[in-house]
Amino acid sequence: LYLVGDIVDLWWMAQRRARWSAAHNRVVEALHALRRAGTEIVYVPG
């Protein structure tokens, strides 16, 4: 799985009020689950 940038919006979080809900946590958990299942993750920051 290639994460091709702007995955976590650090710019928005620094400039404006961060919005982080249970759904955002589920995204992070799903990425961890993929890695544990054997998916290689390549992060290309934006």
PDB file of all heavy atoms in Angstrom:
ATOM      1  N   LEU A   1       0.858  -1.187   0.000  1.00  0.00           N
ATOM      2  CA  LEU A   1       0.000   0.000   0.000  1.00  0.00           C
ATOM      3  C   LEU A   1       0.891   1.232   0.000  1.00  0.00           C
ATOM      4  O   LEU A   1       1.686   1.439   0.914  1.00  0.00           O
ATOM      5  CB  LEU A   1      -0.905   0.010   1.240  1.00  0.00           C
ATOM      6  CG  LEU A   1      -1.727   1.279   1.483  1.00  0.00           C
ATOM      7  CD1 LEU A   1      -2.700   1.534   0.342  1.00  0.00           C
ATOM      8  CD2 LEU A   1      -2.474   1.188   2.818  1.00  0.00           C
ATOM      9  N   TYR A   2       0.748   2.040  -1.054  1.00  0.00           N
ATOM     10  CA  TYR A   2       1.471   3.306  -1.135  1.00  0.00           C
ATOM     11  C   TYR A   2       0.566   4.416  -0.598  1.00  0.00           C
ATOM     12  O   TYR A   2      -0.544   4.623  -1.108  1.00  0.00           O
ATOM     13  CB  TYR A   2       1.846   3.622  -2.579  1.00  0.00           C
ATOM     14  CG  TYR A   2       2.918   2.747  -3.168  1.00  0.00           C
ATOM     15  CD1 TYR A   2       2.589   1.640  -3.947  1.00  0.00           C
ATOM     16  CD2 TYR A   2       4.270   3.029  -2.975  1.00  0.00           C
ATOM     17  CE1 TYR A   2       3.573   0.839  -4.513  1.00  0.00           C
ATOM     18  CE2 TYR A   2       5.261   2.237  -3.527  1.00  0.00           C
ATOM     19  CZ  TYR A   2       4.904   1.143  -4.299  1.00  0.00           C
ATOM     20  OH  TYR A   2       5.878   0.345  -4.857  1.00  0.00           O
ATOM     21  N   LEU A   3       1.047   5.138   0.407  1.00  0.00           N
ATOM     22  CA  LEU A   3       0.363   6.326   0.914  1.00  0.00           C
ATOM     23  C   LEU A   3       1.065   7.527   0.284  1.00  0.00           C
ATOM     24  O   LEU A   3       2.163   7.915   0.700  1.00  0.00           O
ATOM     25  CB  LEU A   3       0.441   6.372   2.440  1.00  0.00           C
ATOM     26  CG  LEU A   3      -0.130   5.152   3.169  1.00  0.00           C
ATOM     27  CD1 LEU A   3       0.098   5.267   4.679  1.00  0.00           C
ATOM     28  CD2 LEU A   3      -1.619   4.976   2.864  1.00  0.00           C
ATOM     29  N   VAL A   4       0.422   8.115  -0.736  1.00  0.00           N
ATOM     30  CA  VAL A   4       1.117   9.052  -1.612  1.00  0.00           C
ATOM     31  C   VAL A   4       0.889  10.505  -1.164  1.00  0.00           C
ATOM     32  O   VAL A   4       0.518  11.378  -1.944  1.00  0.00           O
ATOM     33  CB  VAL A   4       0.701   8.827  -3.085  1.00  0.00           C
ATOM     34  CG1 VAL A   4       1.664   9.546  -4.034  1.00  0.00           C
ATOM     35  CG2 VAL A   4       0.697   7.339  -3.437  1.00  0.00           C
ATOM     36  N   GLY A   5       1.077  10.766   0.120  1.00  0.00           N
ATOM     37  CA  GLY A   5       1.111  12.119   0.634  1.00  0.00           C
ATOM     38  C   GLY A   5      -0.199  12.677   1.137  1.00  0.00           C
ATOM     39  O   GLY A   5      -1.288  12.251   0.754  1.00  0.00           O
ATOM     40  N   ASP A   6      -0.070  13.667   2.039  1.00  0.00           N
ATOM     41  CA  ASP A   6      -1.199  14.364   2.657  1.00  0.00           C
ATOM     42  C   ASP A   6      -2.145  13.375   3.349  1.00  0.00           C
ATOM     43  O   ASP A   6      -3.379  13.498   3.257  1.00  0.00           O
ATOM     44  CB  ASP A   6      -1.957  15.205   1.636  1.00  0.00           C
ATOM     45  CG  ASP A   6      -1.166  16.434   1.196  1.00  0.00           C
ATOM     46  OD1 ASP A   6      -0.020  16.601   1.664  1.00  0.00           O
ATOM     47  OD2 ASP A   6      -1.685  17.220   0.384  1.00  0.00           O
ATOM     48  N   ILE A   7      -1.567  12.419   4.038  1.00  0.00           N
ATOM     49  CA  ILE A   7      -2.380  11.441   4.760  1.00  0.00           C
ATOM     50  C   ILE A   7      -2.895  12.060   6.055  1.00  0.00           C
ATOM     51  O   ILE A   7      -4.102  12.071   6.311  1.00  0.00           O
ATOM     52  CB  ILE A   7      -1.569  10.162   5.040  1.00  0.00           C
ATOM     53  CG1 ILE A   7      -1.034   9.574   3.728  1.00  0.00           C
ATOM     54  CG2 ILE A   7      -2.439   9.135   5.775  1.00  0.00           C
ATOM     55  CD1 ILE A   7      -2.082   9.275   2.689  1.00  0.00           C
ATOM     56  N   VAL A   8      -1.992  12.579   6.878  1.00  0.00           N
ATOM     57  CA  VAL A   8      -2.371  13.352   8.060  1.00  0.00           C
ATOM     58  C   VAL A   8      -2.142  14.820   7.722  1.00  0.00           C
ATOM     59  O   VAL A   8      -1.045  15.201   7.312  1.00  0.00           O
ATOM     60  CB  VAL A   8      -1.539  12.947   9.287  1.00  0.00           C
ATOM     61  CG1 VAL A   8      -1.943  13.776  10.502  1.00  0.00           C
ATOM     62  CG2 VAL A   8      -1.704  11.464   9.576  1.00  0.00           C
ATOM     63  N   ASP A   9      -3.168  15.634   7.895  1.00  0.00           N
ATOM     64  CA  ASP A   9      -3.062  17.039   7.496  1.00  0.00           C
ATOM     65  C   ASP A   9      -2.450  17.854   8.631  1.00  0.00           C
ATOM     66  O   ASP A   9      -3.146  18.547   9.378  1.00  0.00           O
ATOM     67  CB  ASP A   9      -4.436  17.589   7.112  1.00  0.00           C
ATOM     68  CG  ASP A   9      -4.331  18.852   6.282  1.00  0.00           C
ATOM     69  OD1 ASP A   9      -3.354  19.609   6.479  1.00  0.00           O
ATOM     70  OD2 ASP A   9      -5.206  19.083   5.425  1.00  0.00           O
ATOM     71  N   LEU A  10      -1.123  17.779   8.749  1.00  0.00           N
ATOM     72  CA  LEU A  10      -0.422  18.509   9.803  1.00  0.00           C
ATOM     73  C   LEU A  10      -0.535  20.018   9.600  1.00  0.00           C
ATOM     74  O   LEU A  10      -0.550  20.778  10.571  1.00  0.00           O
ATOM     75  CB  LEU A  10       1.045  18.079   9.830  1.00  0.00           C
ATOM     76  CG  LEU A  10       1.289  16.590  10.116  1.00  0.00           C
ATOM     77  CD1 LEU A  10       2.783  16.274  10.040  1.00  0.00           C
ATOM     78  CD2 LEU A  10       0.735  16.182  11.476  1.00  0.00           C
ATOM     79  N   TRP A  11      -0.614  20.449   8.323  1.00  0.00           N
ATOM     80  CA  TRP A  11      -0.771  21.885   8.063  1.00  0.00           C
ATOM     81  C   TRP A  11      -2.101  22.389   8.615  1.00  0.00           C
ATOM     82  O   TRP A  11      -2.155  23.424   9.285  1.00  0.00           O
ATOM     83  CB  TRP A  11      -0.698  22.133   6.550  1.00  0.00           C
ATOM     84  CG  TRP A  11      -0.876  23.577   6.192  1.00  0.00           C
ATOM     85  CD1 TRP A  11       0.091  24.531   6.118  1.00  0.00           C
ATOM     86  CD2 TRP A  11      -2.116  24.247   5.891  1.00  0.00           C
ATOM     87  NE1 TRP A  11      -0.451  25.750   5.777  1.00  0.00           N
ATOM     88  CE2 TRP A  11      -1.795  25.600   5.635  1.00  0.00           C
ATOM     89  CE3 TRP A  11      -3.441  23.830   5.809  1.00  0.00           C
ATOM     90  CZ2 TRP A  11      -2.778  26.533   5.303  1.00  0.00           C
ATOM     91  CZ3 TRP A  11      -4.420  24.759   5.474  1.00  0.00           C
ATOM     92  CH2 TRP A  11      -4.092  26.089   5.229  1.00  0.00           C
ATOM     93  N   TRP A  12      -3.180  21.668   8.337  1.00  0.00           N
ATOM     94  CA  TRP A  12      -4.496  22.085   8.840  1.00  0.00           C
ATOM     95  C   TRP A  12      -4.500  22.099  10.361  1.00  0.00           C
ATOM     96  O   TRP A  12      -5.014  23.043  10.981  1.00  0.00           O
ATOM     97  CB  TRP A  12      -5.575  21.129   8.335  1.00  0.00           C
ATOM     98  CG  TRP A  12      -6.950  21.432   8.837  1.00  0.00           C
ATOM     99  CD1 TRP A  12      -7.471  21.108  10.051  1.00  0.00           C
ATOM    100  CD2 TRP A  12      -7.981  22.145   8.160  1.00  0.00           C
ATOM    101  NE1 TRP A  12      -8.756  21.570  10.179  1.00  0.00           N
ATOM    102  CE2 TRP A  12      -9.092  22.213   9.026  1.00  0.00           C
ATOM    103  CE3 TRP A  12      -8.082  22.720   6.898  1.00  0.00           C
ATOM    104  CZ2 TRP A  12     -10.276  22.841   8.662  1.00  0.00           C
ATOM    105  CZ3 TRP A  12      -9.274  23.340   6.541  1.00  0.00           C
ATOM    106  CH2 TRP A  12     -10.358  23.400   7.424  1.00  0.00           C
ATOM    107  N   MET A  13      -3.929  21.085  10.970  1.00  0.00           N
ATOM    108  CA  MET A  13      -3.933  20.965  12.428  1.00  0.00           C
ATOM    109  C   MET A  13      -3.120  22.077  13.079  1.00  0.00           C
ATOM    110  O   MET A  13      -3.416  22.492  14.202  1.00  0.00           O
ATOM    111  CB  MET A  13      -3.408  19.590  12.835  1.00  0.00           C
ATOM    112  CG  MET A  13      -4.311  18.453  12.353  1.00  0.00           C
ATOM    113  SD  MET A  13      -3.589  16.815  12.519  1.00  0.00           S
ATOM    114  CE  MET A  13      -3.715  16.572  14.287  1.00  0.00           C
ATOM    115  N   ALA A  14      -2.102  22.585  12.385  1.00  0.00           N
ATOM    116  CA  ALA A  14      -1.301  23.682  12.921  1.00  0.00           C
ATOM    117  C   ALA A  14      -1.971  25.035  12.711  1.00  0.00           C
ATOM    118  O   ALA A  14      -1.837  25.942  13.542  1.00  0.00           O
ATOM    119  CB  ALA A  14       0.083  23.690  12.263  1.00  0.00           C
ATOM    120  N   GLN A  15      -2.718  25.186  11.608  1.00  0.00           N
ATOM    121  CA  GLN A  15      -3.312  26.471  11.245  1.00  0.00           C
ATOM    122  C   GLN A  15      -4.733  26.654  11.765  1.00  0.00           C
ATOM    123  O   GLN A  15      -5.169  27.772  12.023  1.00  0.00           O
ATOM    124  CB  GLN A  15      -3.319  26.623   9.716  1.00  0.00           C
ATOM    125  CG  GLN A  15      -1.955  26.601   9.076  1.00  0.00           C
ATOM    126  CD  GLN A  15      -1.125  27.814   9.420  1.00  0.00           C
ATOM    127  OE1 GLN A  15      -1.651  28.920   9.549  1.00  0.00           O
ATOM    128  NE2 GLN A  15       0.176  27.613   9.593  1.00  0.00           N
ATOM    129  N   ARG A  16      -5.450  25.559  11.903  1.00  0.00           N
ATOM    130  CA  ARG A  16      -6.854  25.610  12.285  1.00  0.00           C
ATOM    131  C   ARG A  16      -7.132  24.578  13.366  1.00  0.00           C
ATOM    132  O   ARG A  16      -6.260  23.810  13.743  1.00  0.00           O
ATOM    133  CB  ARG A  16      -7.749  25.323  11.055  1.00  0.00           C
ATOM    134  CG  ARG A  16      -7.647  26.361   9.948  1.00  0.00           C
ATOM    135  CD  ARG A  16      -8.451  25.909   8.752  1.00  0.00           C
ATOM    136  NE  ARG A  16      -8.603  26.949   7.739  1.00  0.00           N
ATOM    137  CZ  ARG A  16      -7.729  27.199   6.778  1.00  0.00           C
ATOM    138  NH1 ARG A  16      -6.623  26.460   6.711  1.00  0.00           N
ATOM    139  NH2 ARG A  16      -7.938  28.158   5.903  1.00  0.00           N
ATOM    140  N   ARG A  17      -8.356  24.554  13.825  1.00  0.00           N
ATOM    141  CA  ARG A  17      -8.746  23.600  14.862  1.00  0.00           C
ATOM    142  C   ARG A  17      -8.806  22.189  14.281  1.00  0.00           C
ATOM    143  O   ARG A  17      -9.485  21.947  13.290  1.00  0.00           O
ATOM    144  CB  ARG A  17     -10.115  23.972  15.427  1.00  0.00           C
ATOM    145  CG  ARG A  17     -10.565  23.075  16.567  1.00  0.00           C
ATOM    146  CD  ARG A  17     -11.915  23.525  17.084  1.00  0.00           C
ATOM    147  NE  ARG A  17     -12.382  22.638  18.146  1.00  0.00           N
ATOM    148  CZ  ARG A  17     -13.558  22.758  18.751  1.00  0.00           C
ATOM    149  NH1 ARG A  17     -14.374  23.744  18.392  1.00  0.00           N
ATOM    150  NH2 ARG A  17     -13.921  21.919  19.701  1.00  0.00           N
ATOM    151  N   ALA A  18      -8.071  21.281  14.905  1.00  0.00           N
ATOM    152  CA  ALA A  18      -8.044  19.904  14.415  1.00  0.00           C
ATOM    153  C   ALA A  18      -9.404  19.246  14.612  1.00  0.00           C
ATOM    154  O   ALA A  18     -10.091  19.484  15.602  1.00  0.00           O
ATOM    155  CB  ALA A  18      -6.972  19.107  15.144  1.00  0.00           C
ATOM    156  N   ARG A  19      -9.779  18.407  13.656  1.00  0.00           N
ATOM    157  CA  ARG A  19     -11.001  17.619  13.740  1.00  0.00           C
ATOM    158  C   ARG A  19     -10.599  16.142  13.734  1.00  0.00           C
ATOM    159  O   ARG A  19     -10.138  15.640  12.719  1.00  0.00           O
ATOM    160  CB  ARG A  19     -11.932  17.915  12.552  1.00  0.00           C
ATOM    161  CG  ARG A  19     -12.306  19.379  12.406  1.00  0.00           C
ATOM    162  CD  ARG A  19     -13.206  19.853  13.537  1.00  0.00           C
ATOM    163  NE  ARG A  19     -13.577  21.242  13.365  1.00  0.00           N
ATOM    164  CZ  ARG A  19     -14.664  21.647  12.717  1.00  0.00           C
ATOM    165  NH1 ARG A  19     -15.471  20.752  12.164  1.00  0.00           N
ATOM    166  NH2 ARG A  19     -14.939  22.932  12.603  1.00  0.00           N
ATOM    167  N   TRP A  20     -10.746  15.494  14.869  1.00  0.00           N
ATOM    168  CA  TRP A  20     -10.332  14.092  14.969  1.00  0.00           C
ATOM    169  C   TRP A  20     -11.444  13.309  15.659  1.00  0.00           C
ATOM    170  O   TRP A  20     -11.692  13.472  16.831  1.00  0.00           O
ATOM    171  CB  TRP A  20      -9.026  13.961  15.745  1.00  0.00           C
ATOM    172  CG  TRP A  20      -8.357  12.645  15.496  1.00  0.00           C
ATOM    173  CD1 TRP A  20      -8.621  11.464  16.118  1.00  0.00           C
ATOM    174  CD2 TRP A  20      -7.336  12.374  14.535  1.00  0.00           C
ATOM    175  NE1 TRP A  20      -7.832  10.466  15.607  1.00  0.00           N
ATOM    176  CE2 TRP A  20      -7.019  11.002  14.635  1.00  0.00           C
ATOM    177  CE3 TRP A  20      -6.643  13.153  13.606  1.00  0.00           C
ATOM    178  CZ2 TRP A  20      -6.059  10.397  13.838  1.00  0.00           C
ATOM    179  CZ3 TRP A  20      -5.676  12.558  12.820  1.00  0.00           C
ATOM    180  CH2 TRP A  20      -5.397  11.190  12.939  1.00  0.00           C
ATOM    181  N   SER A  21     -12.108  12.461  14.890  1.00  0.00           N
ATOM    182  CA  SER A  21     -13.255  11.722  15.401  1.00  0.00           C
ATOM    183  C   SER A  21     -12.929  10.243  15.522  1.00  0.00           C
ATOM    184  O   SER A  21     -11.817   9.796  15.205  1.00  0.00           O
ATOM    185  CB  SER A  21     -14.445  11.902  14.445  1.00  0.00           C
ATOM    186  OG  SER A  21     -14.159  11.274  13.197  1.00  0.00           O
ATOM    187  N   ALA A  22     -13.923   9.471  15.948  1.00  0.00           N
ATOM    188  CA  ALA A  22     -13.745   8.017  16.036  1.00  0.00           C
ATOM    189  C   ALA A  22     -13.457   7.420  14.667  1.00  0.00           C
ATOM    190  O   ALA A  22     -12.714   6.435  14.555  1.00  0.00           O
ATOM    191  CB  ALA A  22     -14.999   7.382  16.637  1.00  0.00           C
ATOM    192  N   ALA A  23     -14.012   8.023  13.612  1.00  0.00           N
ATOM    193  CA  ALA A  23     -13.759   7.522  12.258  1.00  0.00           C
ATOM    194  C   ALA A  23     -12.297   7.691  11.874  1.00  0.00           C
ATOM    195  O   ALA A  23     -11.718   6.839  11.200  1.00  0.00           O
ATOM    196  CB  ALA A  23     -14.658   8.250  11.255  1.00  0.00           C
ATOM    197  N   HIS A  24     -11.677   8.804  12.296  1.00  0.00           N
ATOM    198  CA  HIS A  24     -10.250   8.998  12.041  1.00  0.00           C
ATOM    199  C   HIS A  24      -9.442   7.912  12.740  1.00  0.00           C
ATOM    200  O   HIS A  24      -8.468   7.384  12.173  1.00  0.00           O
ATOM    201  CB  HIS A  24      -9.808  10.385  12.524  1.00  0.00           C
ATOM    202  CG  HIS A  24     -10.341  11.519  11.710  1.00  0.00           C
ATOM    203  ND1 HIS A  24     -11.671  11.865  11.708  1.00  0.00           N
ATOM    204  CD2 HIS A  24      -9.727  12.391  10.883  1.00  0.00           C
ATOM    205  CE1 HIS A  24     -11.852  12.904  10.909  1.00  0.00           C
ATOM    206  NE2 HIS A  24     -10.681  13.243  10.392  1.00  0.00           N
ATOM    207  N   ASN A  25      -9.822   7.575  13.963  1.00  0.00           N
ATOM    208  CA  ASN A  25      -9.138   6.489  14.679  1.00  0.00           C
ATOM    209  C   ASN A  25      -9.290   5.167  13.945  1.00  0.00           C
ATOM    210  O   ASN A  25      -8.349   4.369  13.892  1.00  0.00           O
ATOM    211  CB  ASN A  25      -9.695   6.354  16.101  1.00  0.00           C
ATOM    212  CG  ASN A  25      -9.231   7.469  17.016  1.00  0.00           C
ATOM    213  OD1 ASN A  25      -8.153   8.030  16.815  1.00  0.00           O
ATOM    214  ND2 ASN A  25     -10.026   7.785  18.019  1.00  0.00           N
ATOM    215  N   ARG A  26     -10.468   4.932  13.357  1.00  0.00           N
ATOM    216  CA  ARG A  26     -10.686   3.676  12.631  1.00  0.00           C
ATOM    217  C   ARG A  26      -9.779   3.575  11.406  1.00  0.00           C
ATOM    218  O   ARG A  26      -9.349   2.481  11.039  1.00  0.00           O
ATOM    219  CB  ARG A  26     -12.153   3.535  12.232  1.00  0.00           C
ATOM    220  CG  ARG A  26     -13.099   3.312  13.409  1.00  0.00           C
ATOM    221  CD  ARG A  26     -14.418   2.704  12.959  1.00  0.00           C
ATOM    222  NE  ARG A  26     -15.127   3.531  12.003  1.00  0.00           N
ATOM    223  CZ  ARG A  26     -15.955   4.507  12.347  1.00  0.00           C
ATOM    224  NH1 ARG A  26     -16.168   4.798  13.626  1.00  0.00           N
ATOM    225  NH2 ARG A  26     -16.591   5.211  11.410  1.00  0.00           N
ATOM    226  N   VAL A  27      -9.507   4.712  10.767  1.00  0.00           N
ATOM    227  CA  VAL A  27      -8.580   4.698   9.625  1.00  0.00           C
ATOM    228  C   VAL A  27      -7.195   4.256  10.078  1.00  0.00           C
ATOM    229  O   VAL A  27      -6.563   3.391   9.450  1.00  0.00           O
ATOM    230  CB  VAL A  27      -8.511   6.090   8.963  1.00  0.00           C
ATOM    231  CG1 VAL A  27      -7.378   6.149   7.934  1.00  0.00           C
ATOM    232  CG2 VAL A  27      -9.837   6.437   8.296  1.00  0.00           C
ATOM    233  N   VAL A  28      -6.705   4.840  11.164  1.00  0.00           N
ATOM    234  CA  VAL A  28      -5.388   4.474  11.683  1.00  0.00           C
ATOM    235  C   VAL A  28      -5.364   3.004  12.088  1.00  0.00           C
ATOM    236  O   VAL A  28      -4.410   2.267  11.782  1.00  0.00           O
ATOM    237  CB  VAL A  28      -5.011   5.382  12.868  1.00  0.00           C
ATOM    238  CG1 VAL A  28      -3.680   4.941  13.480  1.00  0.00           C
ATOM    239  CG2 VAL A  28      -4.922   6.835  12.416  1.00  0.00           C
ATOM    240  N   GLU A  29      -6.417   2.545  12.745  1.00  0.00           N
ATOM    241  CA  GLU A  29      -6.486   1.139  13.157  1.00  0.00           C
ATOM    242  C   GLU A  29      -6.507   0.208  11.945  1.00  0.00           C
ATOM    243  O   GLU A  29      -5.892  -0.862  11.962  1.00  0.00           O
ATOM    244  CB  GLU A  29      -7.732   0.924  14.015  1.00  0.00           C
ATOM    245  CG  GLU A  29      -7.654   1.610  15.385  1.00  0.00           C
ATOM    246  CD  GLU A  29      -9.005   1.725  16.059  1.00  0.00           C
ATOM    247  OE1 GLU A  29     -10.011   1.257  15.459  1.00  0.00           O
ATOM    248  OE2 GLU A  29      -9.076   2.293  17.163  1.00  0.00           O
ATOM    249  N   ALA A  30      -7.214   0.613  10.879  1.00  0.00           N
ATOM    250  CA  ALA A  30      -7.277  -0.219   9.676  1.00  0.00           C
ATOM    251  C   ALA A  30      -5.911  -0.318   9.010  1.00  0.00           C
ATOM    252  O   ALA A  30      -5.533  -1.380   8.496  1.00  0.00           O
ATOM    253  CB  ALA A  30      -8.300   0.361   8.697  1.00  0.00           C
ATOM    254  N   LEU A  31      -5.140   0.774   9.021  1.00  0.00           N
ATOM    255  CA  LEU A  31      -3.794   0.734   8.454  1.00  0.00           C
ATOM    256  C   LEU A  31      -2.892  -0.188   9.264  1.00  0.00           C
ATOM    257  O   LEU A  31      -2.106  -0.968   8.704  1.00  0.00           O
ATOM    258  CB  LEU A  31      -3.209   2.147   8.403  1.00  0.00           C
ATOM    259  CG  LEU A  31      -3.842   3.097   7.386  1.00  0.00           C
ATOM    260  CD1 LEU A  31      -3.316   4.516   7.572  1.00  0.00           C
ATOM    261  CD2 LEU A  31      -3.595   2.624   5.959  1.00  0.00           C
ATOM    262  N   HIS A  32      -3.009  -0.129  10.604  1.00  0.00           N
ATOM    263  CA  HIS A  32      -2.235  -1.041  11.451  1.00  0.00           C
ATOM    264  C   HIS A  32      -2.634  -2.492  11.189  1.00  0.00           C
ATOM    265  O   HIS A  32      -1.780  -3.384  11.145  1.00  0.00           O
ATOM    266  CB  HIS A  32      -2.438  -0.694  12.930  1.00  0.00           C
ATOM    267  CG  HIS A  32      -1.636   0.474  13.398  1.00  0.00           C
ATOM    268  ND1 HIS A  32      -0.264   0.540  13.257  1.00  0.00           N
ATOM    269  CD2 HIS A  32      -2.003   1.628  14.006  1.00  0.00           C
ATOM    270  CE1 HIS A  32       0.174   1.685  13.764  1.00  0.00           C
ATOM    271  NE2 HIS A  32      -0.862   2.363  14.214  1.00  0.00           N
ATOM    272  N   ALA A  33      -3.930  -2.731  10.994  1.00  0.00           N
ATOM    273  CA  ALA A  33      -4.407  -4.092  10.743  1.00  0.00           C
ATOM    274  C   ALA A  33      -3.841  -4.624   9.426  1.00  0.00           C
ATOM    275  O   ALA A  33      -3.467  -5.799   9.333  1.00  0.00           O
ATOM    276  CB  ALA A  33      -5.935  -4.110  10.729  1.00  0.00           C
ATOM    277  N   LEU A  34      -3.779  -3.778   8.408  1.00  0.00           N
ATOM    278  CA  LEU A  34      -3.201  -4.201   7.133  1.00  0.00           C
ATOM    279  C   LEU A  34      -1.727  -4.568   7.297  1.00  0.00           C
ATOM    280  O   LEU A  34      -1.266  -5.582   6.763  1.00  0.00           O
ATOM    281  CB  LEU A  34      -3.345  -3.087   6.093  1.00  0.00           C
ATOM    282  CG  LEU A  34      -4.729  -2.910   5.475  1.00  0.00           C
ATOM    283  CD1 LEU A  34      -4.795  -1.603   4.681  1.00  0.00           C
ATOM    284  CD2 LEU A  34      -5.076  -4.088   4.561  1.00  0.00           C
ATOM    285  N   ARG A  35      -0.996  -3.747   8.039  1.00  0.00           N
ATOM    286  CA  ARG A  35       0.421  -4.027   8.246  1.00  0.00           C
ATOM    287  C   ARG A  35       0.618  -5.336   9.001  1.00  0.00           C
ATOM    288  O   ARG A  35       1.482  -6.143   8.647  1.00  0.00           O
ATOM    289  CB  ARG A  35       1.073  -2.866   9.007  1.00  0.00           C
ATOM    290  CG  ARG A  35       2.584  -2.965   9.132  1.00  0.00           C
ATOM    291  CD  ARG A  35       3.154  -1.736   9.810  1.00  0.00           C
ATOM    292  NE  ARG A  35       2.581  -1.552  11.135  1.00  0.00           N
ATOM    293  CZ  ARG A  35       3.045  -2.155  12.227  1.00  0.00           C
ATOM    294  NH1 ARG A  35       4.069  -2.987  12.145  1.00  0.00           N
ATOM    295  NH2 ARG A  35       2.495  -1.930  13.388  1.00  0.00           N
ATOM    296  N   ARG A  36      -0.215  -5.562  10.030  1.00  0.00           N
ATOM    297  CA  ARG A  36      -0.105  -6.820  10.788  1.00  0.00           C
ATOM    298  C   ARG A  36      -0.460  -8.024   9.921  1.00  0.00           C
ATOM    299  O   ARG A  36       0.073  -9.123  10.120  1.00  0.00           O
ATOM    300  CB  ARG A  36      -1.025  -6.774  12.019  1.00  0.00           C
ATOM    301  CG  ARG A  36      -0.550  -5.826  13.110  1.00  0.00           C
ATOM    302  CD  ARG A  36      -1.301  -6.076  14.407  1.00  0.00           C
ATOM    303  NE  ARG A  36      -2.746  -5.866  14.245  1.00  0.00           N
ATOM    304  CZ  ARG A  36      -3.351  -4.703  14.469  1.00  0.00           C
ATOM    305  NH1 ARG A  36      -2.644  -3.637  14.837  1.00  0.00           N
ATOM    306  NH2 ARG A  36      -4.662  -4.587  14.317  1.00  0.00           N
ATOM    307  N   ALA A  37      -1.356  -7.814   8.932  1.00  0.00           N
ATOM    308  CA  ALA A  37      -1.761  -8.914   8.053  1.00  0.00           C
ATOM    309  C   ALA A  37      -0.741  -9.200   6.957  1.00  0.00           C
ATOM    310  O   ALA A  37      -0.921 -10.134   6.178  1.00  0.00           O
ATOM    311  CB  ALA A  37      -3.122  -8.598   7.422  1.00  0.00           C
ATOM    312  N   GLY A  38       0.321  -8.388   6.881  1.00  0.00           N
ATOM    313  CA  GLY A  38       1.379  -8.657   5.929  1.00  0.00           C
ATOM    314  C   GLY A  38       1.530  -7.643   4.808  1.00  0.00           C
ATOM    315  O   GLY A  38       2.422  -7.782   3.972  1.00  0.00           O
ATOM    316  N   THR A  39       0.681  -6.615   4.777  1.00  0.00           N
ATOM    317  CA  THR A  39       0.807  -5.580   3.752  1.00  0.00           C
ATOM    318  C   THR A  39       2.001  -4.684   4.050  1.00  0.00           C
ATOM    319  O   THR A  39       2.147  -4.195   5.172  1.00  0.00           O
ATOM    320  CB  THR A  39      -0.465  -4.709   3.695  1.00  0.00           C
ATOM    321  OG1 THR A  39      -1.569  -5.521   3.299  1.00  0.00           O
ATOM    322  CG2 THR A  39      -0.314  -3.565   2.710  1.00  0.00           C
ATOM    323  N   GLU A  40       2.847  -4.489   3.051  1.00  0.00           N
ATOM    324  CA  GLU A  40       3.942  -3.528   3.190  1.00  0.00           C
ATOM    325  C   GLU A  40       3.397  -2.138   2.909  1.00  0.00           C
ATOM    326  O   GLU A  40       2.700  -1.920   1.917  1.00  0.00           O
ATOM    327  CB  GLU A  40       5.067  -3.847   2.210  1.00  0.00           C
ATOM    328  CG  GLU A  40       6.216  -2.853   2.295  1.00  0.00           C
ATOM    329  CD  GLU A  40       7.247  -3.035   1.205  1.00  0.00           C
ATOM    330  OE1 GLU A  40       7.009  -3.846   0.280  1.00  0.00           O
ATOM    331  OE2 GLU A  40       8.276  -2.343   1.262  1.00  0.00           O
ATOM    332  N   ILE A  41       3.700  -1.174   3.778  1.00  0.00           N
ATOM    333  CA  ILE A  41       3.221   0.195   3.625  1.00  0.00           C
ATOM    334  C   ILE A  41       4.404   1.094   3.281  1.00  0.00           C
ATOM    335  O   ILE A  41       5.438   1.071   3.956  1.00  0.00           O
ATOM    336  CB  ILE A  41       2.519   0.686   4.898  1.00  0.00           C
ATOM    337  CG1 ILE A  41       1.258  -0.145   5.151  1.00  0.00           C
ATOM    338  CG2 ILE A  41       2.164   2.169   4.775  1.00  0.00           C
ATOM    339  CD1 ILE A  41       0.510   0.228   6.423  1.00  0.00           C
ATOM    340  N   VAL A  42       4.242   1.864   2.203  1.00  0.00           N
ATOM    341  CA  VAL A  42       5.260   2.827   1.786  1.00  0.00           C
ATOM    342  C   VAL A  42       4.634   4.221   1.867  1.00  0.00           C
ATOM    343  O   VAL A  42       3.637   4.500   1.197  1.00  0.00           O
ATOM    344  CB  VAL A  42       5.756   2.549   0.358  1.00  0.00           C
ATOM    345  CG1 VAL A  42       6.865   3.530  -0.012  1.00  0.00           C
ATOM    346  CG2 VAL A  42       6.257   1.109   0.231  1.00  0.00           C
ATOM    347  N   TYR A  43       5.226   5.075   2.684  1.00  0.00           N
ATOM    348  CA  TYR A  43       4.696   6.425   2.910  1.00  0.00           C
ATOM    349  C   TYR A  43       5.549   7.424   2.132  1.00  0.00           C
ATOM    350  O   TYR A  43       6.747   7.539   2.345  1.00  0.00           O
ATOM    351  CB  TYR A  43       4.739   6.732   4.411  1.00  0.00           C
ATOM    352  CG  TYR A  43       3.841   7.863   4.882  1.00  0.00           C
ATOM    353  CD1 TYR A  43       3.222   7.795   6.116  1.00  0.00           C
ATOM    354  CD2 TYR A  43       3.627   9.006   4.121  1.00  0.00           C
ATOM    355  CE1 TYR A  43       2.402   8.817   6.590  1.00  0.00           C
ATOM    356  CE2 TYR A  43       2.815  10.025   4.556  1.00  0.00           C
ATOM    357  CZ  TYR A  43       2.213   9.937   5.795  1.00  0.00           C
ATOM    358  OH  TYR A  43       1.407  10.958   6.237  1.00  0.00           O
ATOM    359  N   VAL A  44       4.905   8.159   1.223  1.00  0.00           N
ATOM    360  CA  VAL A  44       5.563   9.214   0.446  1.00  0.00           C
ATOM    361  C   VAL A  44       4.934  10.535   0.889  1.00  0.00           C
ATOM    362  O   VAL A  44       3.869  10.908   0.390  1.00  0.00           O
ATOM    363  CB  VAL A  44       5.373   8.987  -1.074  1.00  0.00           C
ATOM    364  CG1 VAL A  44       6.085  10.076  -1.874  1.00  0.00           C
ATOM    365  CG2 VAL A  44       5.868   7.605  -1.486  1.00  0.00           C
ATOM    366  N   PRO A  45       5.524  11.263   1.830  1.00  0.00           N
ATOM    367  CA  PRO A  45       4.870  12.460   2.382  1.00  0.00           C
ATOM    368  C   PRO A  45       4.634  13.535   1.329  1.00  0.00           C
ATOM    369  O   PRO A  45       5.384  13.667   0.354  1.00  0.00           O
ATOM    370  CB  PRO A  45       5.873  12.947   3.443  1.00  0.00           C
ATOM    371  CG  PRO A  45       6.715  11.750   3.759  1.00  0.00           C
ATOM    372  CD  PRO A  45       6.810  10.992   2.476  1.00  0.00           C
ATOM    373  N   GLY A  46       3.557  14.312   1.549  1.00  0.00           N
ATOM    374  CA  GLY A  46       3.218  15.412   0.658  1.00  0.00           C
ATOM    375  C   GLY A  46       3.474  16.756   1.308  1.00  0.00           C
ATOM    376  O   GLY A  46       4.238  16.870   2.270  1.00  0.00           O
TER     377      GLY A  46
END
